[in-house]
Amino acid sequence: MTASYEVPAALRQASRAVSATRGRALQLHRLFNRSLIPMVMVDNDRRYLEVNTAARLFLRMSLQELRQRRIDDLTQDWSEMIARWDDLMEQGTVSDRYCLTLKDGTSLCIFYAAQINALPGHHLIVFVPADWPGDELDELQPAGNDEPASSLSERQLDVLRLVAIGANASQIAAELSISEATIRTHVKNILARLGAHNRAHAVALAMTQGLLGESDPTIPAETSD
């Protein structure tokens, strides 16, 4: 279904960021939880599974409250909602303007973008207030919307690729023509950035997030710093 309204740039940006993490649970949850843009995930029965902080504040309900509700409970026009849901299930993605009814009876219109199976059985909806000024919406940069590799520098990725194939500090230093002390500093920073407990954990997290590429890591060709 083609959107009937011009979707704000902030919503398009957030939707693209979500699409880039599709199927990658850790990366998706990181973006979902850090985003300033309201996001929810619902199941096949339209029941709320996850609601980020921005959405909870926007809807003025706690996560516990929302998990006891379905999309149906916040809709003004049930038949319209069903039609939108059917479009989503058939097409995979939809975006448009929609009006909600909050628990206190307040009517609130939004622009939304939705996609099915952001994770298996988890359908994700990103939305923004329809009446907010465009310049203020454009200031909302969804946290964590960077590309996967941007969480580590190129040199840190080189080090981690070598760690992943079992190279020790001495071998990595020789391969990259830098000191072992520098290697240890890189490893320490890699662990901190990924939130890893040790090298093996860092490699596992990096592979899950797509930082090491699709294929098995190999020793990089000699390059200058």
N, C-alpha and C. Protein backbone atom coordinates (compact mmCIF):
# COMPACT_ATOMS: atom_id res chain seq x y z
N MET A 1 0.86 -1.20 0.00
CA MET A 1 0.00 0.00 0.00
C MET A 1 0.88 1.23 0.00
N THR A 2 0.68 2.12 -0.93
CA THR A 2 1.42 3.36 -0.99
C THR A 2 0.94 4.31 0.09
N ALA A 3 1.91 4.98 0.75
CA ALA A 3 1.53 5.89 1.83
C ALA A 3 0.67 7.02 1.29
N SER A 4 -0.36 7.35 2.04
CA SER A 4 -1.25 8.43 1.62
C SER A 4 -0.71 9.79 2.02
N TYR A 5 0.27 9.82 2.91
CA TYR A 5 0.85 11.05 3.41
C TYR A 5 2.36 11.01 3.23
N GLU A 6 2.96 12.18 3.24
CA GLU A 6 4.42 12.27 3.19
C GLU A 6 4.98 11.88 4.55
N VAL A 7 5.72 10.80 4.57
CA VAL A 7 6.29 10.30 5.83
C VAL A 7 7.48 11.16 6.21
N PRO A 8 7.56 11.62 7.46
CA PRO A 8 8.67 12.49 7.88
C PRO A 8 10.03 11.83 7.68
N ALA A 9 11.04 12.64 7.43
CA ALA A 9 12.39 12.13 7.19
C ALA A 9 12.91 11.34 8.38
N ALA A 10 12.62 11.80 9.60
CA ALA A 10 13.10 11.09 10.80
C ALA A 10 12.54 9.68 10.85
N LEU A 11 11.30 9.50 10.43
CA LEU A 11 10.69 8.18 10.43
C LEU A 11 11.31 7.31 9.34
N ARG A 12 11.55 7.89 8.17
CA ARG A 12 12.19 7.13 7.10
C ARG A 12 13.57 6.66 7.53
N GLN A 13 14.31 7.55 8.19
CA GLN A 13 15.65 7.22 8.64
C GLN A 13 15.62 6.09 9.67
N ALA A 14 14.72 6.19 10.63
CA ALA A 14 14.61 5.15 11.65
C ALA A 14 14.21 3.82 11.01
N SER A 15 13.30 3.88 10.05
CA SER A 15 12.84 2.66 9.38
C SER A 15 13.98 2.00 8.61
N ARG A 16 14.81 2.81 7.94
CA ARG A 16 15.97 2.25 7.23
C ARG A 16 16.94 1.60 8.20
N ALA A 17 17.15 2.26 9.35
CA ALA A 17 18.07 1.71 10.35
C ALA A 17 17.58 0.36 10.85
N VAL A 18 16.28 0.26 11.07
CA VAL A 18 15.70 -1.01 11.52
C VAL A 18 15.85 -2.07 10.44
N SER A 19 15.58 -1.72 9.20
CA SER A 19 15.68 -2.68 8.11
C SER A 19 17.08 -3.25 7.99
N ALA A 20 18.10 -2.41 8.29
CA ALA A 20 19.48 -2.86 8.19
C ALA A 20 19.84 -3.89 9.24
N THR A 21 19.04 -3.97 10.33
CA THR A 21 19.34 -4.92 11.40
C THR A 21 18.43 -6.13 11.35
N ARG A 22 17.64 -6.25 10.34
CA ARG A 22 16.64 -7.32 10.28
C ARG A 22 17.28 -8.69 10.44
N GLY A 23 16.76 -9.47 11.39
CA GLY A 23 17.27 -10.81 11.63
C GLY A 23 18.47 -10.86 12.54
N ARG A 24 19.07 -9.72 12.88
CA ARG A 24 20.24 -9.68 13.75
C ARG A 24 19.78 -9.23 15.13
N ALA A 25 19.53 -10.19 15.99
CA ALA A 25 18.85 -9.92 17.25
C ALA A 25 19.59 -8.91 18.12
N LEU A 26 20.90 -9.10 18.31
CA LEU A 26 21.64 -8.21 19.20
C LEU A 26 21.65 -6.78 18.67
N GLN A 27 21.93 -6.65 17.38
CA GLN A 27 21.99 -5.32 16.79
C GLN A 27 20.62 -4.64 16.79
N LEU A 28 19.58 -5.42 16.49
CA LEU A 28 18.23 -4.85 16.48
C LEU A 28 17.83 -4.39 17.87
N HIS A 29 18.07 -5.20 18.88
CA HIS A 29 17.68 -4.82 20.24
C HIS A 29 18.47 -3.60 20.71
N ARG A 30 19.73 -3.49 20.29
CA ARG A 30 20.52 -2.32 20.67
C ARG A 30 19.92 -1.05 20.07
N LEU A 31 19.59 -1.11 18.78
CA LEU A 31 18.97 0.05 18.14
C LEU A 31 17.61 0.34 18.77
N PHE A 32 16.82 -0.69 18.97
CA PHE A 32 15.46 -0.57 19.51
C PHE A 32 15.49 0.12 20.87
N ASN A 33 16.38 -0.33 21.74
CA ASN A 33 16.40 0.19 23.12
C ASN A 33 16.99 1.58 23.22
N ARG A 34 17.89 1.94 22.32
CA ARG A 34 18.56 3.24 22.40
C ARG A 34 17.87 4.34 21.61
N SER A 35 16.97 3.96 20.73
CA SER A 35 16.39 4.94 19.82
C SER A 35 15.53 5.98 20.53
N LEU A 36 15.64 7.22 20.07
CA LEU A 36 14.75 8.29 20.53
C LEU A 36 13.41 8.25 19.80
N ILE A 37 13.34 7.47 18.75
CA ILE A 37 12.11 7.30 17.98
C ILE A 37 11.28 6.18 18.63
N PRO A 38 9.98 6.40 18.89
CA PRO A 38 9.14 5.33 19.47
C PRO A 38 9.09 4.09 18.56
N MET A 39 9.29 2.93 19.18
CA MET A 39 9.25 1.66 18.46
C MET A 39 8.56 0.61 19.33
N VAL A 40 7.78 -0.24 18.69
CA VAL A 40 7.16 -1.37 19.39
C VAL A 40 7.33 -2.62 18.54
N MET A 41 7.31 -3.79 19.20
CA MET A 41 7.27 -5.06 18.50
C MET A 41 6.04 -5.82 18.97
N VAL A 42 5.31 -6.39 18.02
CA VAL A 42 4.09 -7.12 18.33
C VAL A 42 4.16 -8.51 17.71
N ASP A 43 3.34 -9.43 18.24
CA ASP A 43 3.34 -10.79 17.70
C ASP A 43 2.23 -10.95 16.65
N ASN A 44 2.00 -12.17 16.24
CA ASN A 44 1.01 -12.42 15.18
C ASN A 44 -0.41 -12.13 15.61
N ASP A 45 -0.64 -12.04 16.92
CA ASP A 45 -1.96 -11.68 17.44
C ASP A 45 -2.06 -10.19 17.75
N ARG A 46 -1.07 -9.43 17.30
CA ARG A 46 -1.00 -7.98 17.50
C ARG A 46 -0.83 -7.61 18.97
N ARG A 47 -0.30 -8.54 19.75
CA ARG A 47 -0.04 -8.28 21.17
C ARG A 47 1.35 -7.66 21.32
N TYR A 48 1.44 -6.63 22.18
CA TYR A 48 2.72 -5.96 22.37
C TYR A 48 3.70 -6.89 23.09
N LEU A 49 4.87 -7.06 22.48
CA LEU A 49 5.93 -7.86 23.07
C LEU A 49 7.01 -6.99 23.70
N GLU A 50 7.49 -6.03 22.94
CA GLU A 50 8.52 -5.11 23.41
C GLU A 50 8.13 -3.68 23.05
N VAL A 51 8.43 -2.76 23.94
CA VAL A 51 8.10 -1.34 23.71
C VAL A 51 9.29 -0.54 24.24
N ASN A 52 9.93 0.24 23.37
CA ASN A 52 11.11 0.96 23.87
C ASN A 52 10.68 2.14 24.73
N THR A 53 11.66 2.75 25.39
CA THR A 53 11.35 3.82 26.35
C THR A 53 10.62 4.98 25.69
N ALA A 54 11.06 5.35 24.48
CA ALA A 54 10.42 6.47 23.79
C ALA A 54 8.94 6.19 23.55
N ALA A 55 8.60 4.96 23.18
CA ALA A 55 7.20 4.61 22.93
C ALA A 55 6.40 4.56 24.22
N ARG A 56 7.01 4.08 25.30
CA ARG A 56 6.29 4.03 26.58
C ARG A 56 5.94 5.44 27.06
N LEU A 57 6.89 6.35 26.92
CA LEU A 57 6.62 7.73 27.31
C LEU A 57 5.56 8.35 26.40
N PHE A 58 5.64 8.05 25.12
CA PHE A 58 4.69 8.60 24.16
C PHE A 58 3.27 8.10 24.44
N LEU A 59 3.15 6.81 24.74
CA LEU A 59 1.84 6.20 24.98
C LEU A 59 1.37 6.34 26.42
N ARG A 60 2.27 6.81 27.28
CA ARG A 60 1.98 7.04 28.69
C ARG A 60 1.52 5.76 29.40
N MET A 61 2.21 4.67 29.10
CA MET A 61 1.94 3.39 29.74
C MET A 61 3.26 2.67 29.99
N SER A 62 3.28 1.87 31.03
CA SER A 62 4.47 1.09 31.35
C SER A 62 4.56 -0.12 30.43
N LEU A 63 5.73 -0.75 30.42
CA LEU A 63 5.91 -1.96 29.63
C LEU A 63 4.95 -3.05 30.09
N GLN A 64 4.77 -3.18 31.40
CA GLN A 64 3.86 -4.19 31.92
C GLN A 64 2.43 -3.94 31.45
N GLU A 65 2.01 -2.68 31.47
CA GLU A 65 0.66 -2.35 31.00
C GLU A 65 0.49 -2.70 29.53
N LEU A 66 1.49 -2.32 28.74
CA LEU A 66 1.38 -2.53 27.30
C LEU A 66 1.41 -4.01 26.94
N ARG A 67 2.18 -4.81 27.67
CA ARG A 67 2.22 -6.24 27.39
C ARG A 67 0.90 -6.94 27.68
N GLN A 68 0.00 -6.27 28.35
CA GLN A 68 -1.33 -6.80 28.59
C GLN A 68 -2.33 -6.34 27.53
N ARG A 69 -1.83 -5.60 26.54
CA ARG A 69 -2.71 -5.04 25.51
C ARG A 69 -2.29 -5.49 24.12
N ARG A 70 -3.21 -5.24 23.18
CA ARG A 70 -2.97 -5.48 21.77
C ARG A 70 -3.13 -4.17 21.02
N ILE A 71 -2.70 -4.15 19.78
CA ILE A 71 -2.93 -2.98 18.93
C ILE A 71 -4.41 -2.63 18.92
N ASP A 72 -5.25 -3.66 18.91
CA ASP A 72 -6.69 -3.47 18.87
C ASP A 72 -7.19 -2.56 19.99
N ASP A 73 -6.53 -2.63 21.16
CA ASP A 73 -6.99 -1.88 22.32
C ASP A 73 -6.72 -0.38 22.22
N LEU A 74 -5.86 0.01 21.27
CA LEU A 74 -5.53 1.43 21.13
C LEU A 74 -5.99 2.00 19.79
N THR A 75 -6.91 1.30 19.16
CA THR A 75 -7.34 1.72 17.83
C THR A 75 -8.69 2.43 17.89
N GLN A 76 -8.87 3.37 16.97
CA GLN A 76 -10.15 4.09 16.87
C GLN A 76 -11.13 3.36 15.96
N ASP A 77 -10.60 2.84 14.86
CA ASP A 77 -11.45 2.22 13.84
C ASP A 77 -10.96 0.79 13.63
N TRP A 78 -11.68 -0.18 14.20
CA TRP A 78 -11.23 -1.56 14.18
C TRP A 78 -11.11 -2.09 12.76
N SER A 79 -12.07 -1.78 11.91
CA SER A 79 -12.04 -2.29 10.54
C SER A 79 -10.85 -1.72 9.77
N GLU A 80 -10.54 -0.44 10.00
CA GLU A 80 -9.39 0.17 9.34
C GLU A 80 -8.10 -0.49 9.83
N MET A 81 -8.02 -0.74 11.12
CA MET A 81 -6.84 -1.37 11.69
C MET A 81 -6.62 -2.75 11.08
N ILE A 82 -7.68 -3.53 10.95
CA ILE A 82 -7.57 -4.86 10.36
C ILE A 82 -7.09 -4.77 8.91
N ALA A 83 -7.61 -3.79 8.17
CA ALA A 83 -7.18 -3.62 6.78
C ALA A 83 -5.69 -3.28 6.71
N ARG A 84 -5.24 -2.40 7.61
CA ARG A 84 -3.81 -2.04 7.64
C ARG A 84 -2.97 -3.27 8.00
N TRP A 85 -3.43 -4.05 8.97
CA TRP A 85 -2.70 -5.24 9.38
C TRP A 85 -2.61 -6.26 8.24
N ASP A 86 -3.72 -6.45 7.53
CA ASP A 86 -3.71 -7.37 6.39
C ASP A 86 -2.73 -6.90 5.33
N ASP A 87 -2.68 -5.58 5.08
CA ASP A 87 -1.71 -5.04 4.12
C ASP A 87 -0.28 -5.35 4.55
N LEU A 88 -0.02 -5.19 5.85
CA LEU A 88 1.32 -5.47 6.37
C LEU A 88 1.68 -6.93 6.17
N MET A 89 0.78 -7.84 6.52
CA MET A 89 1.05 -9.26 6.40
C MET A 89 1.25 -9.68 4.94
N GLU A 90 0.54 -9.02 4.04
CA GLU A 90 0.64 -9.36 2.62
C GLU A 90 1.87 -8.76 1.97
N GLN A 91 2.18 -7.49 2.30
CA GLN A 91 3.23 -6.77 1.60
C GLN A 91 4.57 -6.78 2.32
N GLY A 92 4.56 -7.01 3.61
CA GLY A 92 5.80 -7.04 4.35
C GLY A 92 6.18 -5.73 5.01
N THR A 93 5.86 -4.63 4.37
CA THR A 93 6.11 -3.30 4.93
C THR A 93 4.96 -2.37 4.54
N VAL A 94 4.59 -1.50 5.45
CA VAL A 94 3.59 -0.47 5.16
C VAL A 94 3.96 0.79 5.93
N SER A 95 3.50 1.92 5.44
CA SER A 95 3.67 3.19 6.16
C SER A 95 2.51 4.11 5.80
N ASP A 96 2.09 4.90 6.77
CA ASP A 96 0.96 5.80 6.53
C ASP A 96 0.72 6.61 7.80
N ARG A 97 -0.38 7.35 7.79
CA ARG A 97 -0.85 8.08 8.97
C ARG A 97 -1.94 7.25 9.64
N TYR A 98 -1.98 7.32 10.98
CA TYR A 98 -2.94 6.51 11.72
C TYR A 98 -3.27 7.22 13.02
N CYS A 99 -4.47 7.02 13.54
CA CYS A 99 -4.87 7.65 14.80
C CYS A 99 -5.13 6.60 15.87
N LEU A 100 -4.55 6.85 17.05
CA LEU A 100 -4.69 5.96 18.19
C LEU A 100 -5.68 6.54 19.19
N THR A 101 -6.18 5.69 20.07
CA THR A 101 -6.94 6.13 21.23
C THR A 101 -6.22 5.60 22.47
N LEU A 102 -5.71 6.50 23.30
CA LEU A 102 -4.99 6.10 24.50
C LEU A 102 -5.96 5.65 25.58
N LYS A 103 -5.42 5.10 26.67
CA LYS A 103 -6.28 4.50 27.70
C LYS A 103 -7.19 5.52 28.37
N ASP A 104 -6.80 6.83 28.33
CA ASP A 104 -7.66 7.86 28.92
C ASP A 104 -8.65 8.43 27.93
N GLY A 105 -8.71 7.84 26.72
CA GLY A 105 -9.64 8.29 25.70
C GLY A 105 -9.09 9.35 24.78
N THR A 106 -7.86 9.81 25.04
CA THR A 106 -7.24 10.83 24.20
C THR A 106 -6.96 10.28 22.82
N SER A 107 -7.26 11.08 21.81
CA SER A 107 -6.96 10.71 20.43
C SER A 107 -5.58 11.25 20.06
N LEU A 108 -4.77 10.43 19.41
CA LEU A 108 -3.41 10.82 19.06
C LEU A 108 -3.08 10.25 17.69
N CYS A 109 -2.76 11.13 16.75
CA CYS A 109 -2.45 10.69 15.39
C CYS A 109 -0.93 10.59 15.19
N ILE A 110 -0.53 9.59 14.44
CA ILE A 110 0.88 9.31 14.23
C ILE A 110 1.15 9.05 12.76
N PHE A 111 2.43 9.17 12.37
CA PHE A 111 2.93 8.57 11.15
C PHE A 111 3.66 7.30 11.57
N TYR A 112 3.48 6.21 10.85
CA TYR A 112 4.13 4.97 11.24
C TYR A 112 4.74 4.27 10.02
N ALA A 113 5.72 3.44 10.31
CA ALA A 113 6.28 2.52 9.32
C ALA A 113 6.41 1.17 10.01
N ALA A 114 5.97 0.11 9.35
CA ALA A 114 5.97 -1.21 9.97
C ALA A 114 6.57 -2.23 9.03
N GLN A 115 7.19 -3.26 9.60
CA GLN A 115 7.70 -4.37 8.81
C GLN A 115 7.50 -5.67 9.58
N ILE A 116 7.21 -6.72 8.84
CA ILE A 116 6.99 -8.01 9.48
C ILE A 116 8.33 -8.72 9.71
N ASN A 117 8.34 -9.54 10.76
CA ASN A 117 9.47 -10.42 11.04
C ASN A 117 10.82 -9.69 11.07
N ALA A 118 10.85 -8.57 11.78
CA ALA A 118 12.15 -7.96 12.06
C ALA A 118 13.01 -8.99 12.78
N LEU A 119 12.37 -9.75 13.65
CA LEU A 119 12.86 -11.01 14.17
C LEU A 119 11.73 -12.01 13.97
N PRO A 120 12.01 -13.30 13.93
CA PRO A 120 10.92 -14.26 13.66
C PRO A 120 9.75 -14.08 14.62
N GLY A 121 8.58 -13.81 14.05
CA GLY A 121 7.37 -13.64 14.85
C GLY A 121 7.28 -12.33 15.59
N HIS A 122 8.23 -11.43 15.35
CA HIS A 122 8.25 -10.11 15.97
C HIS A 122 8.12 -9.05 14.87
N HIS A 123 6.96 -8.40 14.81
CA HIS A 123 6.70 -7.41 13.78
C HIS A 123 6.92 -6.02 14.38
N LEU A 124 7.71 -5.23 13.72
CA LEU A 124 8.16 -3.97 14.31
C LEU A 124 7.45 -2.76 13.70
N ILE A 125 7.05 -1.85 14.57
CA ILE A 125 6.37 -0.62 14.15
C ILE A 125 7.14 0.56 14.73
N VAL A 126 7.52 1.47 13.86
CA VAL A 126 8.22 2.70 14.23
C VAL A 126 7.26 3.86 13.96
N PHE A 127 7.15 4.80 14.89
CA PHE A 127 6.16 5.86 14.67
C PHE A 127 6.61 7.17 15.31
N VAL A 128 6.01 8.26 14.82
CA VAL A 128 6.27 9.61 15.35
C VAL A 128 4.95 10.37 15.38
N PRO A 129 4.83 11.37 16.24
CA PRO A 129 3.60 12.17 16.28
C PRO A 129 3.35 12.86 14.95
N ALA A 130 2.12 12.84 14.49
CA ALA A 130 1.79 13.43 13.19
C ALA A 130 1.82 14.95 13.22
N ASP A 131 1.66 15.54 14.41
CA ASP A 131 1.55 16.99 14.47
C ASP A 131 2.82 17.67 14.95
N TRP A 132 3.91 16.95 15.09
CA TRP A 132 5.16 17.58 15.50
C TRP A 132 5.78 18.33 14.33
N PRO A 133 6.41 19.48 14.59
CA PRO A 133 7.08 20.23 13.51
C PRO A 133 8.18 19.38 12.87
N GLY A 134 8.28 19.48 11.56
CA GLY A 134 9.26 18.68 10.84
C GLY A 134 10.69 18.92 11.27
N ASP A 135 11.03 20.18 11.61
CA ASP A 135 12.41 20.46 11.98
C ASP A 135 12.78 19.80 13.30
N GLU A 136 11.81 19.67 14.22
CA GLU A 136 12.09 19.00 15.47
C GLU A 136 12.20 17.48 15.28
N LEU A 137 11.38 16.93 14.41
CA LEU A 137 11.50 15.51 14.13
C LEU A 137 12.83 15.18 13.49
N ASP A 138 13.32 16.06 12.61
CA ASP A 138 14.58 15.81 11.94
C ASP A 138 15.76 15.80 12.90
N GLU A 139 15.57 16.41 14.08
CA GLU A 139 16.65 16.42 15.07
C GLU A 139 16.75 15.09 15.81
N LEU A 140 15.74 14.25 15.69
CA LEU A 140 15.75 12.95 16.38
C LEU A 140 16.56 11.96 15.57
N GLN A 141 17.80 11.78 15.96
CA GLN A 141 18.64 10.79 15.31
C GLN A 141 18.51 9.49 16.07
N PRO A 142 17.95 8.44 15.46
CA PRO A 142 17.79 7.20 16.20
C PRO A 142 19.12 6.67 16.68
N ALA A 143 19.28 6.57 18.00
CA ALA A 143 20.54 6.10 18.55
C ALA A 143 20.80 4.68 18.08
N GLY A 144 22.07 4.44 17.79
CA GLY A 144 22.46 3.10 17.37
C GLY A 144 22.15 2.82 15.91
N ASN A 145 21.88 3.85 15.11
CA ASN A 145 21.55 3.60 13.72
C ASN A 145 22.77 3.59 12.83
N ASP A 146 23.96 3.53 13.43
CA ASP A 146 25.17 3.47 12.64
C ASP A 146 25.29 2.10 11.98
N GLU A 147 26.10 2.04 10.94
CA GLU A 147 26.36 0.78 10.29
C GLU A 147 27.11 -0.12 11.24
N PRO A 148 26.99 -1.46 11.12
CA PRO A 148 27.62 -2.34 12.07
C PRO A 148 29.11 -2.10 12.26
N ALA A 149 29.87 -1.91 11.17
CA ALA A 149 31.31 -1.80 11.28
C ALA A 149 31.76 -0.51 11.94
N SER A 150 30.89 0.50 12.04
CA SER A 150 31.32 1.79 12.57
C SER A 150 31.50 1.75 14.08
N SER A 151 31.11 0.65 14.76
CA SER A 151 31.31 0.55 16.19
C SER A 151 32.78 0.27 16.52
N LEU A 152 33.55 -0.17 15.54
CA LEU A 152 34.98 -0.40 15.70
C LEU A 152 35.73 0.29 14.57
N SER A 153 36.93 0.77 14.87
CA SER A 153 37.74 1.39 13.82
C SER A 153 38.27 0.31 12.87
N GLU A 154 38.78 0.73 11.71
CA GLU A 154 39.34 -0.22 10.76
C GLU A 154 40.49 -1.00 11.38
N ARG A 155 41.36 -0.32 12.13
CA ARG A 155 42.48 -1.01 12.76
C ARG A 155 41.99 -2.01 13.81
N GLN A 156 40.97 -1.63 14.58
CA GLN A 156 40.42 -2.56 15.56
C GLN A 156 39.80 -3.78 14.89
N LEU A 157 39.16 -3.56 13.74
CA LEU A 157 38.62 -4.70 12.99
C LEU A 157 39.73 -5.61 12.49
N ASP A 158 40.86 -5.01 12.04
CA ASP A 158 42.01 -5.82 11.62
C ASP A 158 42.49 -6.69 12.77
N VAL A 159 42.61 -6.09 13.95
CA VAL A 159 43.07 -6.83 15.13
C VAL A 159 42.09 -7.94 15.47
N LEU A 160 40.81 -7.63 15.46
CA LEU A 160 39.80 -8.63 15.85
C LEU A 160 39.74 -9.78 14.85
N ARG A 161 39.93 -9.49 13.57
CA ARG A 161 39.95 -10.57 12.57
C ARG A 161 41.09 -11.55 12.85
N LEU A 162 42.23 -11.01 13.26
CA LEU A 162 43.37 -11.87 13.57
C LEU A 162 43.15 -12.63 14.88
N VAL A 163 42.54 -11.97 15.85
CA VAL A 163 42.17 -12.67 17.09
C VAL A 163 41.24 -13.83 16.77
N ALA A 164 40.31 -13.62 15.83
CA ALA A 164 39.31 -14.63 15.50
C ALA A 164 39.92 -15.89 14.90
N ILE A 165 41.10 -15.78 14.26
CA ILE A 165 41.73 -16.97 13.68
C ILE A 165 42.81 -17.53 14.60
N GLY A 166 42.87 -17.01 15.84
CA GLY A 166 43.76 -17.59 16.83
C GLY A 166 45.13 -16.97 16.95
N ALA A 167 45.37 -15.85 16.30
CA ALA A 167 46.67 -15.20 16.39
C ALA A 167 46.87 -14.60 17.78
N ASN A 168 48.10 -14.70 18.30
CA ASN A 168 48.38 -14.08 19.59
C ASN A 168 48.91 -12.67 19.39
N ALA A 169 49.19 -11.98 20.49
CA ALA A 169 49.60 -10.57 20.41
C ALA A 169 50.86 -10.39 19.58
N SER A 170 51.81 -11.30 19.74
CA SER A 170 53.06 -11.20 18.99
C SER A 170 52.83 -11.36 17.49
N GLN A 171 52.00 -12.33 17.13
CA GLN A 171 51.71 -12.56 15.71
C GLN A 171 50.94 -11.39 15.11
N ILE A 172 49.98 -10.86 15.86
CA ILE A 172 49.20 -9.72 15.35
C ILE A 172 50.10 -8.51 15.18
N ALA A 173 50.99 -8.27 16.15
CA ALA A 173 51.91 -7.13 16.06
C ALA A 173 52.79 -7.24 14.83
N ALA A 174 53.30 -8.45 14.56
CA ALA A 174 54.14 -8.65 13.39
C ALA A 174 53.36 -8.47 12.10
N GLU A 175 52.13 -8.97 12.08
CA GLU A 175 51.32 -8.88 10.86
C GLU A 175 50.95 -7.45 10.53
N LEU A 176 50.64 -6.66 11.58
CA LEU A 176 50.17 -5.29 11.36
C LEU A 176 51.26 -4.24 11.53
N SER A 177 52.46 -4.71 11.85
CA SER A 177 53.62 -3.81 12.01
C SER A 177 53.37 -2.74 13.07
N ILE A 178 52.83 -3.16 14.19
CA ILE A 178 52.65 -2.27 15.34
C ILE A 178 53.10 -3.02 16.58
N SER A 179 53.28 -2.32 17.68
CA SER A 179 53.83 -2.94 18.88
C SER A 179 52.79 -3.81 19.59
N GLU A 180 53.31 -4.74 20.41
CA GLU A 180 52.42 -5.58 21.19
C GLU A 180 51.63 -4.75 22.20
N ALA A 181 52.25 -3.70 22.73
CA ALA A 181 51.53 -2.83 23.66
C ALA A 181 50.34 -2.18 22.98
N THR A 182 50.52 -1.78 21.72
CA THR A 182 49.42 -1.18 20.97
C THR A 182 48.32 -2.22 20.72
N ILE A 183 48.74 -3.46 20.44
CA ILE A 183 47.76 -4.53 20.25
C ILE A 183 46.93 -4.72 21.52
N ARG A 184 47.59 -4.75 22.66
CA ARG A 184 46.87 -4.92 23.92
C ARG A 184 45.88 -3.78 24.17
N THR A 185 46.31 -2.56 23.79
CA THR A 185 45.41 -1.41 23.93
C THR A 185 44.20 -1.56 23.00
N HIS A 186 44.45 -2.00 21.77
CA HIS A 186 43.34 -2.21 20.83
C HIS A 186 42.37 -3.26 21.36
N VAL A 187 42.91 -4.36 21.87
CA VAL A 187 42.05 -5.43 22.40
C VAL A 187 41.21 -4.92 23.56
N LYS A 188 41.84 -4.17 24.46
CA LYS A 188 41.11 -3.60 25.60
C LYS A 188 39.97 -2.71 25.13
N ASN A 189 40.24 -1.88 24.12
CA ASN A 189 39.20 -0.98 23.61
C ASN A 189 38.11 -1.74 22.86
N ILE A 190 38.50 -2.81 22.17
CA ILE A 190 37.50 -3.64 21.47
C ILE A 190 36.54 -4.26 22.47
N LEU A 191 37.08 -4.81 23.55
CA LEU A 191 36.22 -5.43 24.57
C LEU A 191 35.25 -4.41 25.16
N ALA A 192 35.77 -3.19 25.41
CA ALA A 192 34.92 -2.14 26.00
C ALA A 192 33.82 -1.73 25.04
N ARG A 193 34.15 -1.55 23.76
CA ARG A 193 33.15 -1.08 22.80
C ARG A 193 32.07 -2.12 22.54
N LEU A 194 32.46 -3.39 22.54
CA LEU A 194 31.48 -4.45 22.27
C LEU A 194 30.78 -4.93 23.53
N GLY A 195 31.29 -4.52 24.71
CA GLY A 195 30.72 -5.01 25.96
C GLY A 195 31.03 -6.48 26.17
N ALA A 196 32.22 -6.90 25.73
CA ALA A 196 32.60 -8.31 25.79
C ALA A 196 33.40 -8.61 27.06
N HIS A 197 33.29 -9.86 27.54
CA HIS A 197 33.98 -10.28 28.74
C HIS A 197 35.42 -10.70 28.46
N ASN A 198 35.65 -11.22 27.26
CA ASN A 198 36.99 -11.69 26.89
C ASN A 198 37.08 -11.72 25.37
N ARG A 199 38.23 -12.18 24.85
CA ARG A 199 38.44 -12.16 23.39
C ARG A 199 37.44 -13.05 22.66
N ALA A 200 37.21 -14.25 23.20
CA ALA A 200 36.27 -15.16 22.54
C ALA A 200 34.87 -14.55 22.48
N HIS A 201 34.47 -13.91 23.57
CA HIS A 201 33.16 -13.25 23.60
C HIS A 201 33.10 -12.13 22.59
N ALA A 202 34.21 -11.37 22.46
CA ALA A 202 34.26 -10.27 21.49
C ALA A 202 34.09 -10.79 20.08
N VAL A 203 34.78 -11.89 19.77
CA VAL A 203 34.66 -12.47 18.42
C VAL A 203 33.23 -12.94 18.16
N ALA A 204 32.62 -13.59 19.16
CA ALA A 204 31.24 -14.07 19.00
C ALA A 204 30.28 -12.91 18.78
N LEU A 205 30.42 -11.84 19.57
CA LEU A 205 29.55 -10.67 19.41
C LEU A 205 29.76 -10.03 18.04
N ALA A 206 31.01 -9.90 17.62
CA ALA A 206 31.31 -9.26 16.34
C ALA A 206 30.73 -10.05 15.18
N MET A 207 30.82 -11.38 15.26
CA MET A 207 30.26 -12.21 14.19
C MET A 207 28.74 -12.12 14.16
N THR A 208 28.11 -12.09 15.34
CA THR A 208 26.66 -11.96 15.42
C THR A 208 26.19 -10.64 14.82
N GLN A 209 26.99 -9.57 15.03
CA GLN A 209 26.61 -8.25 14.55
C GLN A 209 27.08 -7.99 13.12
N GLY A 210 27.73 -8.96 12.51
CA GLY A 210 28.17 -8.80 11.13
C GLY A 210 29.42 -7.97 10.97
N LEU A 211 30.19 -7.77 12.02
CA LEU A 211 31.37 -6.92 11.93
C LEU A 211 32.52 -7.57 11.17
N LEU A 212 32.54 -8.90 11.16
CA LEU A 212 33.65 -9.60 10.54
C LEU A 212 33.32 -10.08 9.13
N GLY A 213 32.17 -9.68 8.61
CA GLY A 213 31.80 -10.07 7.26
C GLY A 213 31.09 -11.40 7.23
N GLU A 214 30.70 -11.80 6.05
CA GLU A 214 29.92 -13.03 5.89
C GLU A 214 30.78 -14.28 5.98
N SER A 215 32.02 -14.20 5.50
CA SER A 215 32.87 -15.38 5.48
C SER A 215 33.75 -15.43 6.70
N ASP A 216 34.47 -16.55 6.88
CA ASP A 216 35.38 -16.68 7.99
C ASP A 216 36.50 -15.67 7.87
N PRO A 217 36.94 -15.07 8.99
CA PRO A 217 37.98 -14.08 8.93
C PRO A 217 39.30 -14.69 8.49
N THR A 218 40.06 -13.95 7.72
CA THR A 218 41.38 -14.38 7.27
C THR A 218 42.38 -13.30 7.56
N ILE A 219 43.67 -13.65 7.49
CA ILE A 219 44.71 -12.66 7.73
C ILE A 219 44.65 -11.61 6.63
N PRO A 220 44.53 -10.32 6.97
CA PRO A 220 44.41 -9.29 5.96
C PRO A 220 45.71 -9.11 5.19
N ALA A 221 45.56 -8.64 3.96
CA ALA A 221 46.75 -8.34 3.17
C ALA A 221 47.51 -7.19 3.79
N GLU A 222 48.82 -7.15 3.54
CA GLU A 222 49.62 -6.08 4.13
C GLU A 222 49.19 -4.74 3.58
N THR A 223 48.89 -3.84 4.48
CA THR A 223 48.51 -2.49 4.09
C THR A 223 49.22 -1.52 4.99
N SER A 224 49.32 -0.31 4.55
CA SER A 224 49.91 0.74 5.39
C SER A 224 48.86 1.31 6.30
N ASP A 225 49.27 1.84 7.49
CA ASP A 225 48.33 2.43 8.42
C ASP A 225 47.67 3.65 7.82
